Full PDB file with SEQRES, HELIX, SHEET, SSBOND, CRYST1, ORIGX, SCALE, CONECT and MASTER records, all heavy atoms in Angstrom:
SEQRES   1 A   38  SER MET VAL GLU LEU CYS CYS GLU THR ASP PHE CYS SER          
SEQRES   2 A   38  GLY ASN GLU ASP PHE GLN LYS ALA LEU SER ASP ILE CYS          
SEQRES   3 A   38  MET HIS VAL ALA ALA ASN ASP PRO VAL PRO LEU ALA              
HELIX    1 AA1 ASP A   10  SER A   13  1                                   4    
HELIX    2 AA2 GLU A   16  ALA A   31  1                                  16    
CRYST1    1.000    1.000    1.000  90.00  90.00  90.00 P 1           1          
ORIGX1      1.000000  0.000000  0.000000        0.00000                         
ORIGX2      0.000000  1.000000  0.000000        0.00000                         
ORIGX3      0.000000  0.000000  1.000000        0.00000                         
SCALE1      1.000000  0.000000  0.000000        0.00000                         
SCALE2      0.000000  1.000000  0.000000        0.00000                         
SCALE3      0.000000  0.000000  1.000000        0.00000                         
ATOM      1  N   SER A   1      36.543  38.448 221.272  1.00  0.00           N  
ATOM      2  CA  SER A   1      36.997  37.017 220.914  1.00  0.00           C  
ATOM      3  C   SER A   1      38.403  37.067 220.599  1.00  0.00           C  
ATOM      4  O   SER A   1      39.000  38.013 220.217  1.00  0.00           O  
ATOM      5  CB  SER A   1      36.130  36.387 219.796  1.00  0.00           C  
ATOM      6  OG  SER A   1      36.428  37.116 218.637  1.00  0.00           O  
ATOM      7  N   MET A   2      39.066  35.795 220.545  1.00  0.00           N  
ATOM      8  CA  MET A   2      40.384  35.594 220.087  1.00  0.00           C  
ATOM      9  C   MET A   2      40.423  34.345 219.325  1.00  0.00           C  
ATOM     10  O   MET A   2      39.695  33.328 219.694  1.00  0.00           O  
ATOM     11  CB  MET A   2      41.423  35.396 221.281  1.00  0.00           C  
ATOM     12  CG  MET A   2      41.611  36.825 222.066  1.00  0.00           C  
ATOM     13  SD  MET A   2      42.750  36.653 223.402  1.00  0.00           S  
ATOM     14  CE  MET A   2      44.409  36.506 222.494  1.00  0.00           C  
ATOM     15  N   VAL A   3      41.127  34.361 218.275  1.00  0.00           N  
ATOM     16  CA  VAL A   3      41.220  33.095 217.405  1.00  0.00           C  
ATOM     17  C   VAL A   3      42.610  32.900 216.902  1.00  0.00           C  
ATOM     18  O   VAL A   3      43.321  33.824 216.596  1.00  0.00           O  
ATOM     19  CB  VAL A   3      40.350  33.312 216.070  1.00  0.00           C  
ATOM     20  CG1 VAL A   3      40.556  32.296 215.103  1.00  0.00           C  
ATOM     21  CG2 VAL A   3      38.955  33.470 216.421  1.00  0.00           C  
ATOM     22  N   GLU A   4      43.129  31.597 217.017  1.00  0.00           N  
ATOM     23  CA  GLU A   4      44.481  31.247 216.529  1.00  0.00           C  
ATOM     24  C   GLU A   4      44.189  30.548 215.325  1.00  0.00           C  
ATOM     25  O   GLU A   4      43.692  29.501 215.064  1.00  0.00           O  
ATOM     26  CB  GLU A   4      45.096  30.257 217.452  1.00  0.00           C  
ATOM     27  CG  GLU A   4      46.443  29.874 216.987  1.00  0.00           C  
ATOM     28  CD  GLU A   4      47.101  28.830 218.013  1.00  0.00           C  
ATOM     29  OE1 GLU A   4      46.565  28.558 219.080  1.00  0.00           O  
ATOM     30  OE2 GLU A   4      48.154  28.329 217.672  1.00  0.00           O  
ATOM     31  N   LEU A   5      44.787  31.164 214.194  1.00  0.00           N  
ATOM     32  CA  LEU A   5      44.659  30.744 212.823  1.00  0.00           C  
ATOM     33  C   LEU A   5      46.145  30.223 212.322  1.00  0.00           C  
ATOM     34  O   LEU A   5      47.022  31.037 212.299  1.00  0.00           O  
ATOM     35  CB  LEU A   5      44.133  31.743 211.784  1.00  0.00           C  
ATOM     36  CG  LEU A   5      43.761  31.198 210.340  1.00  0.00           C  
ATOM     37  CD1 LEU A   5      42.594  30.257 210.419  1.00  0.00           C  
ATOM     38  CD2 LEU A   5      43.344  32.465 209.606  1.00  0.00           C  
ATOM     39  N   CYS A   6      46.339  28.974 212.052  1.00  0.00           N  
ATOM     40  CA  CYS A   6      47.646  28.357 211.804  1.00  0.00           C  
ATOM     41  C   CYS A   6      47.878  28.218 210.335  1.00  0.00           C  
ATOM     42  O   CYS A   6      46.891  27.798 209.666  1.00  0.00           O  
ATOM     43  CB  CYS A   6      47.759  27.117 212.541  1.00  0.00           C  
ATOM     44  SG  CYS A   6      47.910  27.315 214.379  1.00  0.00           S  
ATOM     45  N   CYS A   7      49.098  28.274 209.917  1.00  0.00           N  
ATOM     46  CA  CYS A   7      49.591  27.974 208.474  1.00  0.00           C  
ATOM     47  C   CYS A   7      50.901  27.510 208.478  1.00  0.00           C  
ATOM     48  O   CYS A   7      51.485  27.244 209.543  1.00  0.00           O  
ATOM     49  CB  CYS A   7      49.402  29.315 207.738  1.00  0.00           C  
ATOM     50  SG  CYS A   7      50.441  30.637 208.306  1.00  0.00           S  
ATOM     51  N   GLU A   8      51.472  27.271 207.290  1.00  0.00           N  
ATOM     52  CA  GLU A   8      52.810  26.572 207.233  1.00  0.00           C  
ATOM     53  C   GLU A   8      54.006  27.633 207.349  1.00  0.00           C  
ATOM     54  O   GLU A   8      55.008  27.316 207.779  1.00  0.00           O  
ATOM     55  CB  GLU A   8      52.891  25.872 205.849  1.00  0.00           C  
ATOM     56  CG  GLU A   8      51.840  24.667 205.773  1.00  0.00           C  
ATOM     57  CD  GLU A   8      51.837  24.190 204.353  1.00  0.00           C  
ATOM     58  OE1 GLU A   8      52.859  23.804 203.846  1.00  0.00           O  
ATOM     59  OE2 GLU A   8      50.764  23.957 203.749  1.00  0.00           O  
ATOM     60  N   THR A   9      53.750  28.781 206.737  1.00  0.00           N  
ATOM     61  CA  THR A   9      54.967  29.817 206.764  1.00  0.00           C  
ATOM     62  C   THR A   9      54.521  31.170 207.295  1.00  0.00           C  
ATOM     63  O   THR A   9      53.411  31.617 207.252  1.00  0.00           O  
ATOM     64  CB  THR A   9      55.448  30.014 205.154  1.00  0.00           C  
ATOM     65  OG1 THR A   9      54.491  30.497 204.413  1.00  0.00           O  
ATOM     66  CG2 THR A   9      55.846  28.516 204.553  1.00  0.00           C  
ATOM     67  N   ASP A  10      55.538  31.863 207.653  1.00  0.00           N  
ATOM     68  CA  ASP A  10      55.301  33.234 208.031  1.00  0.00           C  
ATOM     69  C   ASP A  10      54.905  34.132 206.930  1.00  0.00           C  
ATOM     70  O   ASP A  10      54.139  35.124 207.143  1.00  0.00           O  
ATOM     71  CB  ASP A  10      56.590  33.774 208.682  1.00  0.00           C  
ATOM     72  CG  ASP A  10      56.409  35.090 209.566  1.00  0.00           C  
ATOM     73  OD1 ASP A  10      55.509  34.975 210.215  1.00  0.00           O  
ATOM     74  OD2 ASP A  10      57.235  35.955 209.429  1.00  0.00           O  
ATOM     75  N   PHE A  11      55.329  33.748 205.620  1.00  0.00           N  
ATOM     76  CA  PHE A  11      54.970  34.492 204.496  1.00  0.00           C  
ATOM     77  C   PHE A  11      53.432  34.471 204.403  1.00  0.00           C  
ATOM     78  O   PHE A  11      52.852  35.496 204.106  1.00  0.00           O  
ATOM     79  CB  PHE A  11      55.714  33.901 203.314  1.00  0.00           C  
ATOM     80  CG  PHE A  11      55.279  34.607 201.986  1.00  0.00           C  
ATOM     81  CD1 PHE A  11      55.826  35.842 201.698  1.00  0.00           C  
ATOM     82  CD2 PHE A  11      54.367  34.028 201.189  1.00  0.00           C  
ATOM     83  CE1 PHE A  11      55.407  36.419 200.482  1.00  0.00           C  
ATOM     84  CE2 PHE A  11      53.967  34.556 200.030  1.00  0.00           C  
ATOM     85  CZ  PHE A  11      54.508  35.780 199.602  1.00  0.00           C  
ATOM     86  N   CYS A  12      52.937  33.357 204.621  1.00  0.00           N  
ATOM     87  CA  CYS A  12      51.396  33.131 204.438  1.00  0.00           C  
ATOM     88  C   CYS A  12      50.780  34.001 205.499  1.00  0.00           C  
ATOM     89  O   CYS A  12      49.656  34.659 205.337  1.00  0.00           O  
ATOM     90  CB  CYS A  12      51.086  31.771 204.507  1.00  0.00           C  
ATOM     91  SG  CYS A  12      49.249  31.362 204.493  1.00  0.00           S  
ATOM     92  N   SER A  13      51.100  33.887 206.834  1.00  0.00           N  
ATOM     93  CA  SER A  13      50.482  34.570 207.923  1.00  0.00           C  
ATOM     94  C   SER A  13      50.471  36.047 207.786  1.00  0.00           C  
ATOM     95  O   SER A  13      49.638  36.849 208.337  1.00  0.00           O  
ATOM     96  CB  SER A  13      51.087  34.016 209.256  1.00  0.00           C  
ATOM     97  OG  SER A  13      52.413  34.591 209.360  1.00  0.00           O  
ATOM     98  N   GLY A  14      51.502  36.568 206.986  1.00  0.00           N  
ATOM     99  CA  GLY A  14      51.637  37.984 206.800  1.00  0.00           C  
ATOM    100  C   GLY A  14      50.785  38.549 205.592  1.00  0.00           C  
ATOM    101  O   GLY A  14      50.664  39.764 205.429  1.00  0.00           O  
ATOM    102  N   ASN A  15      50.157  37.564 204.817  1.00  0.00           N  
ATOM    103  CA  ASN A  15      49.395  37.839 203.697  1.00  0.00           C  
ATOM    104  C   ASN A  15      48.181  38.643 204.110  1.00  0.00           C  
ATOM    105  O   ASN A  15      47.501  38.305 205.049  1.00  0.00           O  
ATOM    106  CB  ASN A  15      49.065  36.643 202.984  1.00  0.00           C  
ATOM    107  CG  ASN A  15      48.296  36.879 201.618  1.00  0.00           C  
ATOM    108  OD1 ASN A  15      47.050  37.154 201.796  1.00  0.00           O  
ATOM    109  ND2 ASN A  15      48.861  36.941 200.538  1.00  0.00           N  
ATOM    110  N   GLU A  16      47.762  39.653 203.329  1.00  0.00           N  
ATOM    111  CA  GLU A  16      46.617  40.482 203.583  1.00  0.00           C  
ATOM    112  C   GLU A  16      45.281  39.702 203.632  1.00  0.00           C  
ATOM    113  O   GLU A  16      44.358  39.865 204.510  1.00  0.00           O  
ATOM    114  CB  GLU A  16      46.473  41.490 202.466  1.00  0.00           C  
ATOM    115  CG  GLU A  16      45.499  42.762 202.853  1.00  0.00           C  
ATOM    116  CD  GLU A  16      45.457  43.725 201.749  1.00  0.00           C  
ATOM    117  OE1 GLU A  16      46.561  44.161 201.260  1.00  0.00           O  
ATOM    118  OE2 GLU A  16      44.286  44.231 201.405  1.00  0.00           O  
ATOM    119  N   ASP A  17      45.201  38.606 202.675  1.00  0.00           N  
ATOM    120  CA  ASP A  17      43.971  37.723 202.778  1.00  0.00           C  
ATOM    121  C   ASP A  17      43.844  36.947 203.964  1.00  0.00           C  
ATOM    122  O   ASP A  17      42.746  36.740 204.507  1.00  0.00           O  
ATOM    123  CB  ASP A  17      43.998  36.860 201.484  1.00  0.00           C  
ATOM    124  CG  ASP A  17      43.650  37.692 200.156  1.00  0.00           C  
ATOM    125  OD1 ASP A  17      42.920  38.579 200.252  1.00  0.00           O  
ATOM    126  OD2 ASP A  17      44.386  37.414 199.149  1.00  0.00           O  
ATOM    127  N   PHE A  18      45.009  36.466 204.441  1.00  0.00           N  
ATOM    128  CA  PHE A  18      45.080  35.669 205.608  1.00  0.00           C  
ATOM    129  C   PHE A  18      44.593  36.570 206.776  1.00  0.00           C  
ATOM    130  O   PHE A  18      43.799  36.095 207.656  1.00  0.00           O  
ATOM    131  CB  PHE A  18      46.582  35.115 205.830  1.00  0.00           C  
ATOM    132  CG  PHE A  18      46.720  34.177 207.092  1.00  0.00           C  
ATOM    133  CD1 PHE A  18      46.573  32.890 207.015  1.00  0.00           C  
ATOM    134  CD2 PHE A  18      46.866  34.800 208.384  1.00  0.00           C  
ATOM    135  CE1 PHE A  18      46.774  32.042 208.085  1.00  0.00           C  
ATOM    136  CE2 PHE A  18      47.107  34.018 209.471  1.00  0.00           C  
ATOM    137  CZ  PHE A  18      46.887  32.554 209.283  1.00  0.00           C  
ATOM    138  N   GLN A  19      45.055  37.620 206.915  1.00  0.00           N  
ATOM    139  CA  GLN A  19      44.858  38.519 208.115  1.00  0.00           C  
ATOM    140  C   GLN A  19      43.342  38.963 208.052  1.00  0.00           C  
ATOM    141  O   GLN A  19      42.664  39.177 209.112  1.00  0.00           O  
ATOM    142  CB  GLN A  19      45.720  39.769 208.022  1.00  0.00           C  
ATOM    143  CG  GLN A  19      47.198  39.299 208.484  1.00  0.00           C  
ATOM    144  CD  GLN A  19      48.204  40.395 208.489  1.00  0.00           C  
ATOM    145  OE1 GLN A  19      47.932  41.565 208.574  1.00  0.00           O  
ATOM    146  NE2 GLN A  19      49.416  40.042 208.303  1.00  0.00           N  
ATOM    147  N   LYS A  20      42.797  39.310 206.787  1.00  0.00           N  
ATOM    148  CA  LYS A  20      41.447  39.599 206.810  1.00  0.00           C  
ATOM    149  C   LYS A  20      40.452  38.429 207.115  1.00  0.00           C  
ATOM    150  O   LYS A  20      39.570  38.658 207.871  1.00  0.00           O  
ATOM    151  CB  LYS A  20      41.155  40.073 205.325  1.00  0.00           C  
ATOM    152  CG  LYS A  20      39.623  40.617 205.120  1.00  0.00           C  
ATOM    153  CD  LYS A  20      39.233  41.012 203.802  1.00  0.00           C  
ATOM    154  CE  LYS A  20      37.896  41.527 203.733  1.00  0.00           C  
ATOM    155  NZ  LYS A  20      36.824  40.877 204.374  1.00  0.00           N  
ATOM    156  N   ALA A  21      40.891  37.273 206.748  1.00  0.00           N  
ATOM    157  CA  ALA A  21      40.113  36.072 207.070  1.00  0.00           C  
ATOM    158  C   ALA A  21      40.112  35.946 208.561  1.00  0.00           C  
ATOM    159  O   ALA A  21      39.072  35.555 209.184  1.00  0.00           O  
ATOM    160  CB  ALA A  21      40.566  34.873 206.382  1.00  0.00           C  
ATOM    161  N   LEU A  22      41.245  36.062 209.214  1.00  0.00           N  
ATOM    162  CA  LEU A  22      41.481  35.862 210.625  1.00  0.00           C  
ATOM    163  C   LEU A  22      40.535  36.961 211.312  1.00  0.00           C  
ATOM    164  O   LEU A  22      39.738  36.613 212.389  1.00  0.00           O  
ATOM    165  CB  LEU A  22      42.853  36.073 211.031  1.00  0.00           C  
ATOM    166  CG  LEU A  22      43.213  36.135 212.560  1.00  0.00           C  
ATOM    167  CD1 LEU A  22      42.626  34.865 213.195  1.00  0.00           C  
ATOM    168  CD2 LEU A  22      44.680  36.260 212.715  1.00  0.00           C  
ATOM    169  N   SER A  23      40.625  38.205 210.960  1.00  0.00           N  
ATOM    170  CA  SER A  23      39.799  39.270 211.431  1.00  0.00           C  
ATOM    171  C   SER A  23      38.347  38.998 211.365  1.00  0.00           C  
ATOM    172  O   SER A  23      37.518  39.094 212.280  1.00  0.00           O  
ATOM    173  CB  SER A  23      40.143  40.587 210.805  1.00  0.00           C  
ATOM    174  OG  SER A  23      39.212  41.529 211.284  1.00  0.00           O  
ATOM    175  N   ASP A  24      37.867  38.450 210.202  1.00  0.00           N  
ATOM    176  CA  ASP A  24      36.451  38.174 210.009  1.00  0.00           C  
ATOM    177  C   ASP A  24      35.983  36.976 210.853  1.00  0.00           C  
ATOM    178  O   ASP A  24      34.911  37.010 211.452  1.00  0.00           O  
ATOM    179  CB  ASP A  24      36.208  37.861 208.466  1.00  0.00           C  
ATOM    180  CG  ASP A  24      36.313  39.034 207.616  1.00  0.00           C  
ATOM    181  OD1 ASP A  24      36.195  40.181 208.152  1.00  0.00           O  
ATOM    182  OD2 ASP A  24      36.357  38.997 206.368  1.00  0.00           O  
ATOM    183  N   ILE A  25      36.925  35.988 210.925  1.00  0.00           N  
ATOM    184  CA  ILE A  25      36.554  34.839 211.875  1.00  0.00           C  
ATOM    185  C   ILE A  25      36.370  35.323 213.377  1.00  0.00           C  
ATOM    186  O   ILE A  25      35.473  34.818 214.042  1.00  0.00           O  
ATOM    187  CB  ILE A  25      37.447  33.720 211.715  1.00  0.00           C  
ATOM    188  CG1 ILE A  25      37.512  33.131 210.258  1.00  0.00           C  
ATOM    189  CG2 ILE A  25      37.256  32.552 212.735  1.00  0.00           C  
ATOM    190  CD1 ILE A  25      38.695  32.203 209.841  1.00  0.00           C  
ATOM    191  N   CYS A  26      37.299  36.146 213.823  1.00  0.00           N  
ATOM    192  CA  CYS A  26      37.178  36.700 215.133  1.00  0.00           C  
ATOM    193  C   CYS A  26      35.906  37.403 215.399  1.00  0.00           C  
ATOM    194  O   CYS A  26      35.249  37.240 216.264  1.00  0.00           O  
ATOM    195  CB  CYS A  26      38.297  37.672 215.363  1.00  0.00           C  
ATOM    196  SG  CYS A  26      40.009  36.934 215.592  1.00  0.00           S  
ATOM    197  N   MET A  27      35.433  38.129 214.396  1.00  0.00           N  
ATOM    198  CA  MET A  27      34.290  38.898 214.409  1.00  0.00           C  
ATOM    199  C   MET A  27      32.995  37.953 214.468  1.00  0.00           C  
ATOM    200  O   MET A  27      32.084  37.972 215.279  1.00  0.00           O  
ATOM    201  CB  MET A  27      34.009  39.889 213.301  1.00  0.00           C  
ATOM    202  CG  MET A  27      32.966  40.879 213.507  1.00  0.00           C  
ATOM    203  SD  MET A  27      32.904  41.975 212.036  1.00  0.00           S  
ATOM    204  CE  MET A  27      34.414  42.771 212.115  1.00  0.00           C  
ATOM    205  N   HIS A  28      33.201  36.938 213.698  1.00  0.00           N  
ATOM    206  CA  HIS A  28      31.925  35.878 213.543  1.00  0.00           C  
ATOM    207  C   HIS A  28      31.915  35.119 215.004  1.00  0.00           C  
ATOM    208  O   HIS A  28      30.888  35.019 215.540  1.00  0.00           O  
ATOM    209  CB  HIS A  28      32.442  34.746 212.587  1.00  0.00           C  
ATOM    210  CG  HIS A  28      31.547  33.523 212.675  1.00  0.00           C  
ATOM    211  ND1 HIS A  28      30.375  33.518 211.880  1.00  0.00           N  
ATOM    212  CD2 HIS A  28      31.606  32.461 213.398  1.00  0.00           C  
ATOM    213  CE1 HIS A  28      29.750  32.317 212.232  1.00  0.00           C  
ATOM    214  NE2 HIS A  28      30.424  31.725 213.110  1.00  0.00           N  
ATOM    215  N   VAL A  29      33.014  34.816 215.589  1.00  0.00           N  
ATOM    216  CA  VAL A  29      32.939  34.189 216.981  1.00  0.00           C  
ATOM    217  C   VAL A  29      32.341  35.001 218.028  1.00  0.00           C  
ATOM    218  O   VAL A  29      31.614  34.539 218.882  1.00  0.00           O  
ATOM    219  CB  VAL A  29      34.463  33.727 217.312  1.00  0.00           C  
ATOM    220  CG1 VAL A  29      34.401  33.175 218.762  1.00  0.00           C  
ATOM    221  CG2 VAL A  29      35.000  32.629 216.456  1.00  0.00           C  
ATOM    222  N   ALA A  30      32.719  36.206 217.889  1.00  0.00           N  
ATOM    223  CA  ALA A  30      32.153  37.217 218.919  1.00  0.00           C  
ATOM    224  C   ALA A  30      30.706  37.406 218.777  1.00  0.00           C  
ATOM    225  O   ALA A  30      29.914  37.581 219.665  1.00  0.00           O  
ATOM    226  CB  ALA A  30      32.855  38.629 218.900  1.00  0.00           C  
ATOM    227  N   ALA A  31      30.173  37.501 217.488  1.00  0.00           N  
ATOM    228  CA  ALA A  31      28.850  37.894 217.157  1.00  0.00           C  
ATOM    229  C   ALA A  31      27.826  36.831 217.029  1.00  0.00           C  
ATOM    230  O   ALA A  31      26.660  37.001 217.168  1.00  0.00           O  
ATOM    231  CB  ALA A  31      28.786  38.668 215.935  1.00  0.00           C  
ATOM    232  N   ASN A  32      28.294  35.573 216.801  1.00  0.00           N  
ATOM    233  CA  ASN A  32      27.396  34.540 216.400  1.00  0.00           C  
ATOM    234  C   ASN A  32      26.552  33.930 217.590  1.00  0.00           C  
ATOM    235  O   ASN A  32      27.152  33.880 218.662  1.00  0.00           O  
ATOM    236  CB  ASN A  32      28.193  33.325 215.775  1.00  0.00           C  
ATOM    237  CG  ASN A  32      27.244  32.406 214.870  1.00  0.00           C  
ATOM    238  OD1 ASN A  32      26.683  32.953 213.813  1.00  0.00           O  
ATOM    239  ND2 ASN A  32      26.934  31.224 215.394  1.00  0.00           N  
ATOM    240  N   ASP A  33      25.332  33.602 217.230  1.00  0.00           N  
ATOM    241  CA  ASP A  33      24.431  32.973 218.137  1.00  0.00           C  
ATOM    242  C   ASP A  33      23.796  31.874 217.395  1.00  0.00           C  
ATOM    243  O   ASP A  33      23.074  32.110 216.523  1.00  0.00           O  
ATOM    244  CB  ASP A  33      23.404  33.924 218.721  1.00  0.00           C  
ATOM    245  CG  ASP A  33      22.544  33.486 219.809  1.00  0.00           C  
ATOM    246  OD1 ASP A  33      22.967  32.508 220.484  1.00  0.00           O  
ATOM    247  OD2 ASP A  33      21.394  33.926 219.928  1.00  0.00           O  
ATOM    248  N   PRO A  34      23.922  30.598 217.799  1.00  0.00           N  
ATOM    249  CA  PRO A  34      24.517  30.085 219.056  1.00  0.00           C  
ATOM    250  C   PRO A  34      26.004  30.234 219.087  1.00  0.00           C  
ATOM    251  O   PRO A  34      26.704  30.277 218.002  1.00  0.00           O  
ATOM    252  CB  PRO A  34      24.160  28.686 219.248  1.00  0.00           C  
ATOM    253  CG  PRO A  34      23.833  28.319 217.834  1.00  0.00           C  
ATOM    254  CD  PRO A  34      23.382  29.488 216.982  1.00  0.00           C  
ATOM    255  N   VAL A  35      26.662  30.425 220.333  1.00  0.00           N  
ATOM    256  CA  VAL A  35      28.082  30.503 220.545  1.00  0.00           C  
ATOM    257  C   VAL A  35      28.584  29.130 220.153  1.00  0.00           C  
ATOM    258  O   VAL A  35      28.244  28.019 220.590  1.00  0.00           O  
ATOM    259  CB  VAL A  35      28.377  30.817 221.980  1.00  0.00           C  
ATOM    260  CG1 VAL A  35      29.854  30.900 222.183  1.00  0.00           C  
ATOM    261  CG2 VAL A  35      27.743  32.093 222.363  1.00  0.00           C  
ATOM    262  N   PRO A  36      29.750  29.149 219.289  1.00  0.00           N  
ATOM    263  CA  PRO A  36      30.412  27.899 218.968  1.00  0.00           C  
ATOM    264  C   PRO A  36      31.037  27.257 220.320  1.00  0.00           C  
ATOM    265  O   PRO A  36      31.563  27.967 221.131  1.00  0.00           O  
ATOM    266  CB  PRO A  36      31.467  28.268 218.052  1.00  0.00           C  
ATOM    267  CG  PRO A  36      31.660  29.705 218.093  1.00  0.00           C  
ATOM    268  CD  PRO A  36      30.362  30.259 218.673  1.00  0.00           C  
ATOM    269  N   LEU A  37      30.968  25.936 220.428  1.00  0.00           N  
ATOM    270  CA  LEU A  37      31.490  25.253 221.523  1.00  0.00           C  
ATOM    271  C   LEU A  37      32.805  24.542 221.276  1.00  0.00           C  
ATOM    272  O   LEU A  37      33.698  24.222 222.196  1.00  0.00           O  
ATOM    273  CB  LEU A  37      30.492  24.194 222.080  1.00  0.00           C  
ATOM    274  CG  LEU A  37      29.137  24.687 222.429  1.00  0.00           C  
ATOM    275  CD1 LEU A  37      28.350  23.591 222.939  1.00  0.00           C  
ATOM    276  CD2 LEU A  37      29.362  25.652 223.802  1.00  0.00           C  
ATOM    277  N   ALA A  38      33.159  24.381 219.941  1.00  0.00           N  
ATOM    278  CA  ALA A  38      34.212  23.730 219.567  1.00  0.00           C  
ATOM    279  C   ALA A  38      34.645  24.047 218.108  1.00  0.00           C  
ATOM    280  O   ALA A  38      33.718  24.604 217.352  1.00  0.00           O  
ATOM    281  CB  ALA A  38      34.239  22.224 219.696  1.00  0.00           C  
TER     282      ALA A  38                                                      
MASTER        0    0    0    2    0    0    0    6  281    1    0    3          
END                                                                             
């Protein structure tokens, strides 16, 4: 899976919590059944 997670600043997107959440959401999208449509 691929996920685009948007925020206001580059400082936020470089934060460890932001990156962990993004990684977890990617894993969720790949693994979840039913597959999200939107």
